[in-house]
Structures are given as C-alpha cells and as structure tokens.
Amino acid sequence: MRLAPTDEQTALAERLRELGAALGGDLERRERSQALQPGDWRRCADAGVFALPVPEEYGGLGMDPLTCALALEGLGRGCRDNGLLISAGAHLWAVELPLLHYGSEEQKRRHLPALVDGGAIGAHAITEPGSGSDALSLSAVARREGDHYVLDGTKRFVTNAPVADLFIVYATVNADLGFTGVTAFLVERDTPGLTVETRFEKTGLRTAPWGEVVLRDCRVPVANRLGAEKQGSKILATVMAWERSLILAPLLGTMQRQIDECARYARSREQFGSIIGRFPSVSHSVVGMQVRLEAAKLLTYRAAWDLAQGVTTSVFPEAAQLETSESAVQTFLDAVQLFGGLGYTTGTDAERNLRDALGTRISSGTSDMQRKVMAEKLGLTVRARTTADGRHTP
C-alpha cells in the first residue's frame, strides 16, 4: 500500500480544501432550521465531488477509493458544515455506489449522470421503526403484481429524505425468508404512494436533513428493481463496506482542522504567567488528538486500498468507521475542555463538532455493531443451533 499521496492526489485534496473553506455560509441559521444548503450542494457538484468514484462514461471522474478518501479528507479540512459532508457521503456511497455495482445499464444511464452533476439527490432507505442495527429484519414488504411490485412499509432516519429525488428502498418479497428475501428497489420521488415526513430533530449533523419514508400501495415497475430479486442483503453488504470505509473520510480533515485550532490557542492563551501549551496536561491532550487522528487515517487508507483490490470482507471498513468516529468524539471532547467556556458556547466549532461527531457513532451501524461485525469476521462468534428438543447449542 502506498502511504505517500501522489502529486495529483495532493493537488485534488488541496483544491477541495479550498472549496470546503468557501462552503458553510449561514451555518448557524441553517442548523436551527435543519436545512441543507442547495447552493453548497451545487458547488460540490460543480467541483466534481459527486463524480469522484463514477466512471467517465456516466459523467464521473473514475477515481480509485484511496484517491476518493484523500480528496474527501481535503474537503473536510476546509468545510465547517459536517452535515453537508454526511449528506454527500450518503449520496455517494449508499446510492451512486450500489447503482454502479448492481444497476442495469439502463438504470445507470438514466440515474447516474443526474446524481453526478447535482441535478438529483439520492437517499438510502433501510432503517425501520422496528429494525435499526438489525437492518435486514425488515417489515416492509414488496408484492409482485404483474410487471410491478407493490411496496408497503415505513423507513425511518433516512438521510437526505426531505430533499431526495431518488430512493433506494429495501423490502422483503417473502417475510418467511428472513434476510434472504430482501430486495432493493429504485423509487423516484414522485412515485404515487411514497411520502416523506419530517417529525424528528437531531442533536447534531442538523444540516444533513433526515425523515421518514412512508410507502403505501407504492407501485414500482419491475424495471426499477436494483439487482436480482432476493439480492438485497448482498447489495447492502457492498454498501456497508464502502460506506463504512469512506463516509467519515471528511471527518479526518475536520479533526485536523480542530487540532490545528487547539494548537494555535494553546500557543497564545496565557494563564498563571505562561502560555498553556507549556502545561503537560494541555500539550499531552493535543498530542493525543494527533495520535488518534493518525491511527484513524491509516485505517481509512487501508480500507480504501482493500476496496481498490476488490476486497470487501476484511475488518478494515468497520475498523475505520469505529476508530474514526470514536476518535472524533474524544478529540472534540478534549477541544471543548481546552477552550473552556468558549468551547462550550453554542455556535463554536468545538461545540458543533462534538454534537456532530456523536452521530457518527450511530450511522452506518453503532460502535457496538462495528465490533460485532468485526468479531464475526474474525471467527469469534458462532451461530447457535437448535436441537430437536428445542435446546440451543453452539
């Protein structure tokens, strides 16, 4: 694995850092209203953010996963709007990516160019009121009726739902089949029977709007099925490998920006006749921030490298998600402590970053779920089996 970025990768990351620094205007007001900034979304599209992983034949740039990670890290280094970055990640890795891997040629040519150029926004609808971490225990159903499926169910906490034009919706074609019956569908915003409700407010990542997607007798053409029938679990596994590897890449840049701000403050703030950076409690805290960040970077880069080799079953996607999210929370907690009253003031970067980071420990699977998946991949968990007399044995 190449650790040093190429000149081209460095230039791309710097270009997106400069773009990010120009985004996030009126952030405090938009946080209060939980609003995505359409102008910033358009600027990201124009700069090629949504084109990064998509082949040129569909309007993209065809970048490899590691280049995507470095580019998004640069974007996060400049951009204060963490919600925008999460919305972009959901669009990239949970909508564009599965379309690219599992969509028919007609589906890709119909949807990818608009997703790439910012003309359409994507949303990934899987979580339900009764199934969160156990994502494949779905109650949403899809009944085949001739050349259509009829979808019924409710999806909750769907990032981008209030502004999305295209949804990837998961439903089971046979509840008795469990996760093996799950199937994915492309459902457009104006499809009769699909409605979006916004009745939840978030603590952080408020500019990444989310909502409930309600499906009632929603008729979807068979041609809108993504992949084969009963292939939904495989599609979701691919999505999770890419999303867990790369959706928090911008947060690496955010952490570096926060660490830089902490270091500057520690070099200028005086207490007890000395700059506070000379106090071991302060300097060691900032050093700890940097060490955690470097570990998160290496895990993210390794996860991206594996994806480029076609490996989606290693522990690195979950390790990257776990380490980055946990490190971010601790780093921003330490930043609030270092800045004191200023850090605890609403609207400051430290306060906002901490609220936003808490959400990253939940999205794409909670921290405990990341550990559970890693344990399974390491062969540490064995499914119990039921004997004839009803006893459960290893």
Protein backbone atom coordinates (compact mmCIF):
# COMPACT_ATOMS: atom_id res chain seq x y z
CA MET A 1 0.00 0.00 0.00
CA ARG A 2 1.39 3.40 -1.00
CA LEU A 3 1.35 5.73 2.01
CA ALA A 4 2.62 8.92 0.38
CA PRO A 5 -0.01 10.63 -1.79
CA THR A 6 0.90 11.39 -5.38
CA ASP A 7 1.20 14.96 -6.60
CA GLU A 8 -2.16 14.58 -8.34
CA GLN A 9 -3.85 13.34 -5.17
CA THR A 10 -2.33 16.17 -3.13
CA ALA A 11 -3.48 18.76 -5.67
CA LEU A 12 -7.02 17.35 -5.70
CA ALA A 13 -7.20 17.35 -1.90
CA GLU A 14 -5.97 20.95 -1.77
CA ARG A 15 -8.49 22.03 -4.41
CA LEU A 16 -11.32 20.50 -2.39
CA ARG A 17 -9.96 22.03 0.81
CA GLU A 18 -10.23 25.43 -0.83
CA LEU A 19 -13.75 24.59 -1.98
CA GLY A 20 -14.69 23.49 1.54
CA ALA A 21 -13.41 26.74 3.04
CA ALA A 22 -15.88 28.60 0.83
CA LEU A 23 -18.84 26.50 1.97
CA GLY A 24 -20.91 26.60 5.13
CA GLY A 25 -22.20 30.17 4.97
CA ASP A 26 -25.08 31.00 7.32
CA LEU A 27 -24.39 27.72 9.10
CA GLU A 28 -25.87 28.73 12.45
CA ARG A 29 -29.24 29.65 10.92
CA ARG A 30 -29.38 26.51 8.80
CA GLU A 31 -28.58 24.38 11.83
CA ARG A 32 -31.62 25.81 13.56
CA SER A 33 -33.83 25.05 10.56
CA GLN A 34 -32.17 21.68 9.78
CA ALA A 35 -31.67 22.78 6.18
CA LEU A 36 -29.28 21.58 3.51
CA GLN A 37 -27.75 24.47 1.57
CA PRO A 38 -28.71 23.92 -2.10
CA GLY A 39 -26.06 26.37 -3.26
CA ASP A 40 -23.32 24.46 -1.45
CA TRP A 41 -24.60 21.18 -2.90
CA ARG A 42 -24.39 22.72 -6.36
CA ARG A 43 -20.85 23.97 -5.73
CA CYS A 44 -19.80 20.48 -4.63
CA ALA A 45 -21.30 19.03 -7.79
CA ASP A 46 -19.60 21.60 -9.99
CA ALA A 47 -16.27 20.80 -8.33
CA GLY A 48 -16.67 17.10 -9.08
CA VAL A 49 -17.30 15.83 -5.54
CA PHE A 50 -20.18 13.60 -6.62
CA ALA A 51 -18.25 12.49 -9.70
CA LEU A 52 -15.27 11.10 -7.78
CA PRO A 53 -15.96 7.32 -7.89
CA VAL A 54 -18.15 7.19 -11.00
CA PRO A 55 -16.62 6.14 -14.35
CA GLU A 56 -16.27 8.76 -17.05
CA GLU A 57 -18.85 7.04 -19.26
CA TYR A 58 -21.54 8.13 -16.77
CA GLY A 59 -20.18 11.63 -16.29
CA GLY A 60 -17.78 10.87 -13.46
CA LEU A 61 -14.07 11.15 -12.78
CA GLY A 62 -13.35 7.46 -12.22
CA MET A 63 -11.17 7.94 -9.14
CA ASP A 64 -9.96 4.96 -7.12
CA PRO A 65 -11.15 4.60 -3.48
CA LEU A 66 -7.91 5.85 -1.91
CA THR A 67 -7.95 8.98 -4.06
CA CYS A 68 -11.59 9.49 -3.07
CA ALA A 69 -10.63 9.21 0.61
CA LEU A 70 -7.81 11.74 0.29
CA ALA A 71 -9.99 14.14 -1.71
CA LEU A 72 -12.83 13.98 0.82
CA GLU A 73 -10.37 14.41 3.67
CA GLY A 74 -9.27 17.63 1.99
CA LEU A 75 -12.89 18.75 1.65
CA GLY A 76 -13.45 18.14 5.36
CA ARG A 77 -10.27 20.04 6.22
CA GLY A 78 -11.83 23.16 4.74
CA CYS A 79 -15.58 22.71 5.32
CA ARG A 80 -17.21 23.53 8.67
CA ASP A 81 -20.56 22.07 7.63
CA ASN A 82 -20.31 18.46 8.77
CA GLY A 83 -23.95 17.82 7.90
CA LEU A 84 -23.31 18.67 4.27
CA LEU A 85 -20.40 16.22 4.25
CA ILE A 86 -22.53 13.41 5.68
CA SER A 87 -25.30 14.12 3.17
CA ALA A 88 -22.73 13.98 0.37
CA GLY A 89 -21.36 10.69 1.74
CA ALA A 90 -24.79 9.08 1.89
CA HIS A 91 -25.42 10.20 -1.70
CA LEU A 92 -22.06 8.86 -2.90
CA TRP A 93 -21.69 5.57 -1.07
CA ALA A 94 -25.27 4.44 -0.43
CA VAL A 95 -26.86 5.49 -3.74
CA GLU A 96 -24.32 6.06 -6.50
CA LEU A 97 -22.15 3.12 -5.47
CA PRO A 98 -24.87 0.40 -5.42
CA LEU A 99 -26.27 1.76 -8.68
CA LEU A 100 -22.83 1.46 -10.20
CA HIS A 101 -22.29 -2.09 -8.93
CA TYR A 102 -25.77 -3.58 -9.31
CA GLY A 103 -27.75 -1.35 -11.63
CA SER A 104 -28.66 -2.36 -15.16
CA GLU A 105 -27.09 -0.38 -17.97
CA GLU A 106 -30.39 1.42 -18.50
CA GLN A 107 -30.64 2.28 -14.78
CA LYS A 108 -27.09 3.60 -14.68
CA ARG A 109 -27.51 5.76 -17.76
CA ARG A 110 -30.83 7.04 -16.51
CA HIS A 111 -29.81 8.00 -12.97
CA LEU A 112 -26.04 8.32 -12.55
CA PRO A 113 -25.45 11.44 -14.71
CA ALA A 114 -28.03 13.42 -12.72
CA LEU A 115 -26.64 12.18 -9.40
CA VAL A 116 -23.12 13.10 -10.52
CA ASP A 117 -23.90 16.60 -11.78
CA GLY A 118 -26.06 17.57 -8.81
CA GLY A 119 -29.34 17.52 -10.71
CA ALA A 120 -30.65 14.80 -8.37
CA ILE A 121 -30.07 13.87 -4.73
CA GLY A 122 -30.09 10.28 -3.53
CA ALA A 123 -31.26 8.67 -0.28
CA HIS A 124 -30.81 5.15 1.13
CA ALA A 125 -33.94 3.89 2.90
CA ILE A 126 -33.42 0.78 5.01
CA THR A 127 -33.80 1.54 8.76
CA GLU A 128 -37.30 0.98 10.11
CA PRO A 129 -39.06 1.77 13.40
CA GLY A 130 -38.58 -1.86 14.45
CA SER A 131 -35.20 -2.59 12.85
CA GLY A 132 -32.15 -0.44 13.36
CA SER A 133 -28.87 -2.25 13.80
CA ASP A 134 -30.64 -5.46 12.75
CA ALA A 135 -31.16 -3.84 9.37
CA LEU A 136 -32.25 -6.94 7.49
CA SER A 137 -35.11 -7.79 9.87
CA LEU A 138 -37.43 -5.73 7.75
CA SER A 139 -41.19 -5.44 7.92
CA ALA A 140 -41.51 -3.51 4.64
CA VAL A 141 -42.92 -5.86 2.00
CA ALA A 142 -42.87 -5.98 -1.79
CA ARG A 143 -45.66 -7.92 -3.53
CA ARG A 144 -45.20 -8.82 -7.18
CA GLU A 145 -48.23 -7.91 -9.29
CA GLY A 146 -47.55 -8.46 -12.98
CA ASP A 147 -44.92 -6.01 -14.19
CA HIS A 148 -44.92 -4.07 -10.90
CA TYR A 149 -44.05 -4.55 -7.26
CA VAL A 150 -46.32 -3.02 -4.61
CA LEU A 151 -44.32 -1.69 -1.65
CA ASP A 152 -45.72 -1.14 1.84
CA GLY A 153 -43.77 -0.08 4.91
CA THR A 154 -42.08 2.77 6.75
CA LYS A 155 -38.41 3.75 6.73
CA ARG A 156 -37.01 5.95 9.48
CA PHE A 157 -33.97 8.23 9.90
CA VAL A 158 -33.34 8.39 6.15
CA THR A 159 -30.57 10.90 5.43
CA ASN A 160 -31.48 13.29 2.58
CA ALA A 161 -35.10 12.08 2.53
CA PRO A 162 -36.66 15.58 2.66
CA VAL A 163 -34.69 16.70 -0.41
CA ALA A 164 -34.11 13.41 -2.26
CA ASP A 165 -35.16 12.75 -5.83
CA LEU A 166 -34.24 9.05 -5.86
CA PHE A 167 -34.54 6.49 -3.06
CA ILE A 168 -33.02 3.05 -2.79
CA VAL A 169 -35.63 1.18 -0.76
CA TYR A 170 -35.25 -2.29 0.72
CA ALA A 171 -38.24 -4.60 1.25
CA THR A 172 -38.79 -8.33 1.56
CA VAL A 173 -40.60 -10.33 -1.08
CA ASN A 174 -41.35 -13.04 1.50
CA ALA A 175 -41.23 -12.39 5.23
CA ASP A 176 -40.72 -16.12 5.90
CA LEU A 177 -37.36 -15.99 4.12
CA GLY A 178 -35.83 -13.53 6.58
CA PHE A 179 -32.83 -11.63 5.23
CA THR A 180 -32.69 -13.87 2.15
CA GLY A 181 -35.94 -12.36 0.88
CA VAL A 182 -34.74 -8.74 0.97
CA THR A 183 -34.80 -6.96 -2.38
CA ALA A 184 -33.72 -3.43 -3.34
CA PHE A 185 -35.74 -1.00 -5.47
CA LEU A 186 -35.15 2.37 -7.11
CA VAL A 187 -38.09 4.57 -6.22
CA GLU A 188 -38.38 8.08 -7.62
CA ARG A 189 -39.69 10.94 -5.53
CA ASP A 190 -42.90 11.45 -7.49
CA THR A 191 -43.95 7.78 -7.36
CA PRO A 192 -47.58 7.58 -6.10
CA GLY A 193 -47.72 6.00 -2.66
CA LEU A 194 -44.39 7.43 -1.46
CA THR A 195 -44.47 10.27 1.05
CA VAL A 196 -41.78 11.83 3.25
CA GLU A 197 -42.44 13.04 6.77
CA THR A 198 -40.08 15.19 8.84
CA ARG A 199 -41.03 14.90 12.51
CA PHE A 200 -37.68 14.24 14.20
CA GLU A 201 -35.00 16.74 15.19
CA LYS A 202 -31.36 15.79 15.62
CA THR A 203 -28.81 16.83 18.22
CA GLY A 204 -26.08 17.21 15.61
CA LEU A 205 -25.49 16.92 11.86
CA ARG A 206 -28.57 19.07 11.58
CA THR A 207 -27.79 20.30 8.07
CA ALA A 208 -27.98 16.69 6.83
CA PRO A 209 -31.78 16.53 6.73
CA TRP A 210 -33.47 13.24 7.50
CA GLY A 211 -37.03 11.99 7.58
CA GLU A 212 -39.42 9.06 7.41
CA VAL A 213 -40.25 7.49 4.08
CA VAL A 214 -43.77 6.06 4.10
CA LEU A 215 -44.78 3.57 1.41
CA ARG A 216 -48.47 2.79 0.98
CA ASP A 217 -49.50 0.76 -2.07
CA CYS A 218 -46.45 2.21 -3.81
CA ARG A 219 -46.30 0.64 -7.26
CA VAL A 220 -42.78 0.29 -8.62
CA PRO A 221 -42.06 -1.15 -12.08
CA VAL A 222 -40.10 -4.39 -12.16
CA ALA A 223 -37.59 -2.47 -14.27
CA ASN A 224 -36.84 -0.39 -11.13
CA ARG A 225 -35.68 -3.37 -9.12
CA LEU A 226 -31.99 -2.94 -8.29
CA GLY A 227 -30.19 -6.19 -8.94
CA ALA A 228 -31.96 -9.51 -8.77
CA GLU A 229 -34.87 -10.43 -6.53
CA LYS A 230 -33.63 -11.51 -3.08
CA GLN A 231 -30.23 -9.88 -3.71
CA GLY A 232 -30.84 -7.03 -1.25
CA SER A 233 -28.63 -8.44 1.51
CA LYS A 234 -25.69 -8.68 -0.89
CA ILE A 235 -26.28 -5.14 -2.11
CA LEU A 236 -26.44 -3.87 1.47
CA ALA A 237 -23.21 -5.67 2.36
CA THR A 238 -21.46 -3.91 -0.52
CA VAL A 239 -22.91 -0.56 0.52
CA MET A 240 -21.75 -1.06 4.10
CA ALA A 241 -18.20 -1.97 3.04
CA TRP A 242 -17.86 1.23 1.01
CA GLU A 243 -19.81 3.49 3.33
CA ARG A 244 -18.01 2.39 6.48
CA SER A 245 -14.69 2.80 4.71
CA LEU A 246 -15.25 6.25 3.23
CA ILE A 247 -18.21 8.18 4.64
CA LEU A 248 -16.11 9.53 7.52
CA ALA A 249 -13.09 10.44 5.38
CA PRO A 250 -14.08 14.15 5.56
CA LEU A 251 -14.08 13.87 9.36
CA LEU A 252 -10.33 13.19 9.21
CA GLY A 253 -9.91 16.66 7.75
CA THR A 254 -12.29 18.15 10.30
CA MET A 255 -10.27 16.65 13.14
CA GLN A 256 -7.03 18.03 11.70
CA ARG A 257 -8.55 21.49 11.46
CA GLN A 258 -9.72 21.26 15.06
CA ILE A 259 -6.30 20.07 16.25
CA ASP A 260 -4.64 22.97 14.45
CA GLU A 261 -7.02 25.39 16.16
CA CYS A 262 -6.30 23.82 19.55
CA ALA A 263 -2.54 24.09 18.97
CA ARG A 264 -2.81 27.76 17.97
CA TYR A 265 -4.92 28.52 21.03
CA ALA A 266 -2.52 26.65 23.31
CA ARG A 267 0.37 28.71 21.95
CA SER A 268 -1.40 32.03 22.53
CA ARG A 269 -3.54 31.63 25.66
CA GLU A 270 -1.78 32.69 28.88
CA GLN A 271 -2.63 31.51 32.39
CA PHE A 272 -0.57 31.68 35.57
CA GLY A 273 2.09 33.68 33.74
CA SER A 274 2.70 31.11 31.00
CA ILE A 275 1.19 30.03 27.71
CA ILE A 276 -0.99 27.00 28.40
CA GLY A 277 0.75 24.90 25.73
CA ARG A 278 3.64 24.53 28.16
CA PHE A 279 1.43 22.72 30.65
CA PRO A 280 1.77 18.95 30.19
CA SER A 281 -1.97 18.44 30.68
CA VAL A 282 -2.61 20.64 27.65
CA SER A 283 0.26 19.59 25.40
CA HIS A 284 -0.34 15.90 26.07
CA SER A 285 -4.02 16.33 25.25
CA VAL A 286 -3.21 17.85 21.85
CA VAL A 287 -0.64 15.14 21.19
CA GLY A 288 -3.28 12.52 21.98
CA MET A 289 -5.60 14.15 19.45
CA GLN A 290 -2.97 13.86 16.73
CA VAL A 291 -2.11 10.25 17.57
CA ARG A 292 -5.76 9.22 17.38
CA LEU A 293 -6.13 11.01 14.07
CA GLU A 294 -3.10 9.33 12.53
CA ALA A 295 -4.45 5.91 13.54
CA ALA A 296 -7.84 6.72 12.02
CA LYS A 297 -6.18 7.90 8.82
CA LEU A 298 -4.18 4.72 8.39
CA LEU A 299 -7.24 2.52 8.94
CA THR A 300 -9.25 4.55 6.45
CA TYR A 301 -6.50 4.42 3.85
CA ARG A 302 -6.14 0.66 4.32
CA ALA A 303 -9.90 0.16 3.99
CA ALA A 304 -9.85 2.22 0.79
CA TRP A 305 -6.86 0.26 -0.50
CA ASP A 306 -8.70 -3.01 0.08
CA LEU A 307 -11.72 -1.73 -1.83
CA ALA A 308 -9.47 -0.90 -4.77
CA GLN A 309 -8.29 -4.53 -4.75
CA GLY A 310 -11.88 -5.77 -4.75
CA VAL A 311 -11.74 -6.85 -1.09
CA THR A 312 -14.96 -6.04 0.78
CA THR A 313 -14.86 -8.70 3.52
CA SER A 314 -11.88 -7.57 5.61
CA VAL A 315 -12.22 -5.98 9.05
CA PHE A 316 -10.93 -2.63 7.82
CA PRO A 317 -14.24 -0.95 6.84
CA GLU A 318 -15.60 -1.50 10.35
CA ALA A 319 -12.26 -0.68 11.95
CA ALA A 320 -12.07 2.60 10.03
CA GLN A 321 -15.62 3.57 10.95
CA LEU A 322 -15.12 2.62 14.60
CA GLU A 323 -11.75 4.30 15.09
CA THR A 324 -12.66 7.48 13.22
CA SER A 325 -15.97 8.03 14.99
CA GLU A 326 -14.65 7.18 18.46
CA SER A 327 -11.53 9.28 17.92
CA ALA A 328 -13.58 12.23 16.73
CA VAL A 329 -15.79 12.21 19.81
CA GLN A 330 -12.78 12.11 22.14
CA THR A 331 -10.90 14.75 20.17
CA PHE A 332 -13.81 17.19 20.22
CA LEU A 333 -14.46 16.50 23.91
CA ASP A 334 -10.82 17.38 24.56
CA ALA A 335 -11.18 20.50 22.41
CA VAL A 336 -14.17 21.70 24.43
CA GLN A 337 -12.16 21.11 27.61
CA LEU A 338 -9.17 23.03 26.23
CA PHE A 339 -11.22 26.03 25.12
CA GLY A 340 -13.23 26.02 28.35
CA GLY A 341 -16.21 28.35 28.32
CA LEU A 342 -15.54 29.27 24.70
CA GLY A 343 -15.65 25.61 23.69
CA TYR A 344 -18.96 25.12 25.48
CA THR A 345 -20.56 28.09 23.74
CA THR A 346 -23.21 27.28 21.16
CA GLY A 347 -22.12 28.02 17.61
CA THR A 348 -18.40 27.48 18.11
CA ASP A 349 -16.62 24.86 16.04
CA ALA A 350 -15.67 22.75 19.06
CA GLU A 351 -19.25 22.61 20.33
CA ARG A 352 -20.72 21.88 16.90
CA ASN A 353 -18.09 19.30 16.03
CA LEU A 354 -18.77 17.41 19.25
CA ARG A 355 -22.52 17.28 18.62
CA ASP A 356 -21.92 16.18 15.05
CA ALA A 357 -19.36 13.53 16.00
CA LEU A 358 -21.81 11.83 18.36
CA GLY A 359 -23.99 10.99 15.38
CA THR A 360 -21.12 9.30 13.55
CA ARG A 361 -21.02 6.63 16.28
CA ILE A 362 -24.55 5.63 15.25
CA SER A 363 -24.75 6.00 11.48
CA SER A 364 -23.68 3.04 9.29
CA GLY A 365 -24.09 0.91 12.41
CA THR A 366 -23.37 1.78 16.02
CA SER A 367 -19.92 1.35 17.52
CA ASP A 368 -21.10 -1.88 19.14
CA MET A 369 -22.31 -3.11 15.75
CA GLN A 370 -18.90 -2.40 14.22
CA ARG A 371 -17.32 -4.52 16.95
CA LYS A 372 -19.91 -7.26 16.44
CA VAL A 373 -19.27 -7.43 12.70
CA MET A 374 -15.51 -7.46 13.25
CA ALA A 375 -15.86 -10.27 15.78
CA GLU A 376 -17.83 -12.29 13.23
CA LYS A 377 -15.20 -11.68 10.56
CA LEU A 378 -12.51 -12.80 12.99
CA GLY A 379 -14.41 -16.03 13.63
CA LEU A 380 -15.12 -15.19 17.26
CA THR A 381 -18.87 -15.73 17.14
CA VAL A 382 -20.58 -18.98 16.28
CA ARG A 383 -24.26 -19.13 15.49
CA ALA A 384 -26.25 -21.25 17.91
CA ARG A 385 -28.25 -24.15 16.51
CA THR A 386 -31.47 -25.58 17.83
CA THR A 387 -31.61 -29.29 18.67
CA ALA A 388 -34.65 -31.50 18.18
CA ASP A 389 -35.71 -30.99 21.81
CA GLY A 390 -35.53 -27.19 21.48
CA ARG A 391 -32.21 -26.61 23.22
CA HIS A 392 -29.72 -24.07 21.84
CA THR A 393 -26.17 -25.31 21.42
CA PRO A 394 -23.01 -23.74 19.93
